[in-house]
Protein backbone atom coordinates (compact mmCIF):
# COMPACT_ATOMS: atom_id res chain seq x y z
CA MET A 1 -97.36 -8.18 149.93
CA ILE A 2 -95.50 -10.50 152.25
CA GLU A 3 -94.57 -13.94 150.94
CA GLU A 4 -97.08 -15.82 153.09
CA ALA A 5 -99.95 -13.60 151.96
CA ARG A 6 -98.89 -13.92 148.32
CA LYS A 7 -98.96 -17.72 148.59
CA ILE A 8 -102.41 -17.64 150.19
CA VAL A 9 -103.73 -15.41 147.41
CA GLU A 10 -102.22 -17.60 144.69
CA ARG A 11 -103.77 -20.69 146.26
CA ALA A 12 -107.14 -19.00 146.69
CA LEU A 13 -107.20 -17.85 143.06
CA LYS A 14 -107.05 -21.48 141.96
CA MET A 15 -110.25 -22.30 143.88
CA PRO A 16 -113.74 -22.37 142.35
CA ALA A 17 -115.58 -19.04 142.23
CA ARG A 18 -118.00 -19.99 145.01
CA GLU A 19 -115.17 -20.76 147.43
CA ARG A 20 -113.31 -17.56 146.47
CA ALA A 21 -116.49 -15.57 147.09
CA GLU A 22 -116.86 -17.15 150.53
CA ILE A 23 -113.27 -16.30 151.40
CA ALA A 24 -113.67 -12.74 150.13
CA GLN A 25 -116.87 -12.28 152.11
CA ARG A 26 -115.29 -13.53 155.32
CA LEU A 27 -112.24 -11.32 154.85
CA LEU A 28 -114.40 -8.25 154.22
CA GLU A 29 -116.56 -9.04 157.24
CA SER A 30 -113.43 -9.22 159.39
CA LEU A 31 -112.52 -5.69 158.25
CA ASP A 32 -116.06 -4.40 158.73
CA ARG A 33 -116.05 -5.30 162.40
CA GLN A 34 -113.22 -2.85 162.98
CA THR A 35 -115.01 0.09 161.36
CA ASP A 36 -118.64 -0.63 162.19
CA ILE A 37 -118.66 1.59 165.29
CA ASP A 38 -117.32 4.59 163.38
CA VAL A 39 -119.64 4.01 160.46
CA GLU A 40 -122.68 3.59 162.68
CA SER A 41 -121.82 6.79 164.53
CA ALA A 42 -121.36 8.69 161.27
CA TRP A 43 -124.68 7.40 159.89
CA GLN A 44 -126.47 8.30 163.11
CA SER A 45 -125.13 11.86 162.89
CA GLU A 46 -126.15 12.09 159.24
CA VAL A 47 -129.67 10.82 159.96
CA GLU A 48 -130.08 13.30 162.81
CA ARG A 49 -128.84 16.15 160.57
CA ARG A 50 -131.29 15.23 157.81
CA ILE A 51 -134.21 14.93 160.22
CA SER A 52 -133.34 18.33 161.66
CA GLU A 53 -133.29 19.85 158.16
CA LEU A 54 -136.73 18.40 157.48
CA ASP A 55 -138.12 19.53 160.85
CA THR A 56 -136.85 23.09 160.42
CA GLY A 57 -138.02 23.36 156.83
CA GLN A 58 -134.52 23.80 155.41
CA VAL A 59 -135.28 21.04 152.93
CA THR A 60 -138.42 19.45 151.57
CA CYS A 61 -139.02 15.94 150.38
CA ILE A 62 -139.69 15.04 146.77
CA PRO A 63 -142.19 12.23 146.19
CA TRP A 64 -140.64 9.02 144.83
CA GLU A 65 -142.82 9.16 141.73
CA GLU A 66 -141.35 12.55 140.80
CA VAL A 67 -137.78 11.42 141.47
CA ARG A 68 -138.30 8.30 139.35
CA GLU A 69 -139.76 10.37 136.52
CA ARG A 70 -136.78 12.76 136.60
CA LEU A 71 -134.33 9.87 136.58
CA MET A 72 -136.05 8.21 133.66
CA ARG A 73 -136.20 11.48 131.71
CA ASN A 74 -132.50 12.21 132.37
CA SER A 75 -131.55 8.65 131.44
CA ILE A 76 -133.37 8.91 128.13
CA GLU A 77 -131.85 12.33 127.37
CA ALA A 78 -128.33 11.10 128.20
CA GLY A 79 -128.71 7.86 126.23
């Protein structure tokens, strides 16, 4: 880490949690802007693939109630 960045981080770590959270959020948002286009494109492709699988019958949906029941049963068995 370059010296300037290290100083900024040290100073930020001395701030109250709320202010640190705000800084962290703004920094993450600045990174997200750079990758949003790629992520959106990837999600769009994934959604189209899943819809196609449903339309062609390659996969079938499981009702939420059944999924929830399975998750609860597996959680109890694992616990």
